[in-house]
Amino acid sequence: MTKNALRAAACAAVLILSSTAAYAQCGGASWYGPGFNGKRAASGEIFNENAMTAAHRSLPFGTKVKVVDQRTGKSVEVTINDRGPYHGSRIIDLSKAAATALGFRNRGTTSVCLAQM
């Protein structure tokens, strides 16, 4: 199976598993925290790298999103409170806490699928 076929299957699985999902997107994820902790996020909130939050280019602030790591199947729920990522084809930038919970913090990036809760 090709990478694109795997991503499509993972996105379909997210939609099936999340019956209330109104939004699905698959792509790259990264994380951020150091250097931003304690500063204002785009939402006006103070960024806390230990909270389960994320940056997305277009979802409204306060949106709850289920993030599923395509490599491991692990998932977390985060709240969108910032804008980004602004690097390549990445679709979400997770807080340090969310990246740790998914298990990709040491790698820096991973492939994920998102479903709006």
Protein backbone atom coordinates (compact mmCIF):
# COMPACT_ATOMS: atom_id res chain seq x y z
CA MET A 1 0.00 0.00 0.00
CA THR A 2 1.32 3.45 -0.86
CA LYS A 3 1.82 6.23 1.70
CA ASN A 4 -1.16 8.14 0.30
CA ALA A 5 -3.37 5.05 0.46
CA LEU A 6 -2.33 4.49 4.08
CA ARG A 7 -3.12 8.11 4.93
CA ALA A 8 -6.53 7.88 3.25
CA ALA A 9 -7.31 4.68 5.16
CA ALA A 10 -6.23 6.27 8.44
CA CYS A 11 -8.42 9.31 7.79
CA ALA A 12 -11.38 7.06 7.00
CA ALA A 13 -10.75 5.14 10.24
CA VAL A 14 -10.71 8.39 12.22
CA LEU A 15 -14.06 9.38 10.72
CA ILE A 16 -15.59 5.97 11.46
CA LEU A 17 -14.25 5.87 15.02
CA SER A 18 -15.34 9.43 15.70
CA SER A 19 -19.02 9.45 14.80
CA THR A 20 -19.36 13.13 15.77
CA ALA A 21 -16.45 14.17 13.55
CA ALA A 22 -17.21 17.14 11.36
CA TYR A 23 -13.69 17.59 10.03
CA ALA A 24 -10.90 15.25 8.95
CA GLN A 25 -7.41 16.00 7.77
CA CYS A 26 -4.23 13.95 7.57
CA GLY A 27 -0.66 15.18 7.29
CA GLY A 28 2.45 16.09 9.18
CA ALA A 29 2.61 17.15 12.81
CA SER A 30 5.34 18.80 14.81
CA TRP A 31 5.53 20.18 18.33
CA TYR A 32 6.59 23.38 20.00
CA GLY A 33 7.09 24.72 23.47
CA PRO A 34 10.59 25.90 24.35
CA GLY A 35 10.85 29.60 23.63
CA PHE A 36 7.06 30.04 23.49
CA ASN A 37 6.10 28.88 26.98
CA GLY A 38 4.54 31.75 28.94
CA LYS A 39 4.03 33.93 25.86
CA ARG A 40 0.70 34.83 24.30
CA ALA A 41 -0.75 32.46 21.74
CA ALA A 42 -2.73 33.86 18.80
CA SER A 43 -5.95 33.27 20.79
CA GLY A 44 -4.74 35.64 23.51
CA GLU A 45 -4.21 32.81 25.99
CA ILE A 46 -0.85 32.37 27.68
CA PHE A 47 0.82 29.39 26.01
CA ASN A 48 1.55 26.49 28.36
CA GLU A 49 3.72 23.78 26.82
CA ASN A 50 2.39 21.35 29.46
CA ALA A 51 -1.26 21.78 28.42
CA MET A 52 -2.99 19.69 25.76
CA THR A 53 -3.17 22.41 23.12
CA ALA A 54 -2.25 22.89 19.47
CA ALA A 55 -1.81 25.38 16.65
CA HIS A 56 -3.80 25.00 13.42
CA ARG A 57 -3.95 27.35 10.44
CA SER A 58 -7.72 27.69 10.18
CA LEU A 59 -9.77 25.86 12.83
CA PRO A 60 -11.50 28.24 15.26
CA PHE A 61 -9.90 28.80 18.65
CA GLY A 62 -11.42 26.53 21.27
CA THR A 63 -12.05 23.69 18.79
CA LYS A 64 -11.42 20.26 20.32
CA VAL A 65 -9.54 17.96 17.96
CA LYS A 66 -8.72 14.27 18.23
CA VAL A 67 -5.19 13.70 16.92
CA VAL A 68 -4.29 10.13 15.92
CA ASP A 69 -0.65 9.21 15.25
CA GLN A 70 -0.65 7.13 12.06
CA ARG A 71 2.51 5.28 13.08
CA THR A 72 1.34 4.08 16.49
CA GLY A 73 -2.42 4.50 16.60
CA LYS A 74 -2.12 6.50 19.83
CA SER A 75 -4.50 9.44 20.14
CA VAL A 76 -4.93 12.59 22.20
CA GLU A 77 -7.51 15.34 22.40
CA VAL A 78 -6.21 18.89 22.13
CA THR A 79 -7.74 22.35 22.07
CA ILE A 80 -6.78 24.75 19.28
CA ASN A 81 -5.44 27.97 20.81
CA ASP A 82 -2.78 29.14 18.36
CA ARG A 83 -2.03 29.54 14.64
CA GLY A 84 0.46 27.54 12.62
CA PRO A 85 2.37 25.54 11.70
CA TYR A 86 4.09 27.52 9.00
CA HIS A 87 6.51 24.86 7.80
CA GLY A 88 5.99 22.80 4.66
CA SER A 89 2.98 20.51 4.59
CA ARG A 90 2.51 20.17 8.34
CA ILE A 91 -1.11 20.52 9.40
CA ILE A 92 -0.80 20.87 13.18
CA ASP A 93 1.72 21.99 15.76
CA LEU A 94 1.18 20.26 19.12
CA SER A 95 2.24 21.36 22.57
CA LYS A 96 5.13 19.52 24.20
CA ALA A 97 2.64 17.66 26.43
CA ALA A 98 0.58 16.42 23.46
CA ALA A 99 3.71 15.31 21.55
CA THR A 100 4.91 13.46 24.65
CA ALA A 101 1.55 11.72 25.06
CA LEU A 102 1.64 10.60 21.41
CA GLY A 103 5.25 9.45 21.84
CA PHE A 104 6.93 11.43 19.06
CA ARG A 105 8.61 14.22 21.02
CA ASN A 106 12.12 12.82 20.51
CA ARG A 107 11.55 12.37 16.76
CA GLY A 108 10.18 15.90 16.39
CA THR A 109 7.57 15.12 13.73
CA THR A 110 5.08 12.41 12.86
CA SER A 111 2.12 11.74 10.57
CA VAL A 112 -1.34 12.24 12.05
CA CYS A 113 -5.02 12.39 11.22
CA LEU A 114 -7.34 14.93 12.85
CA ALA A 115 -11.03 14.73 13.66
CA GLN A 116 -12.98 17.62 15.12
CA MET A 117 -14.79 16.56 18.28
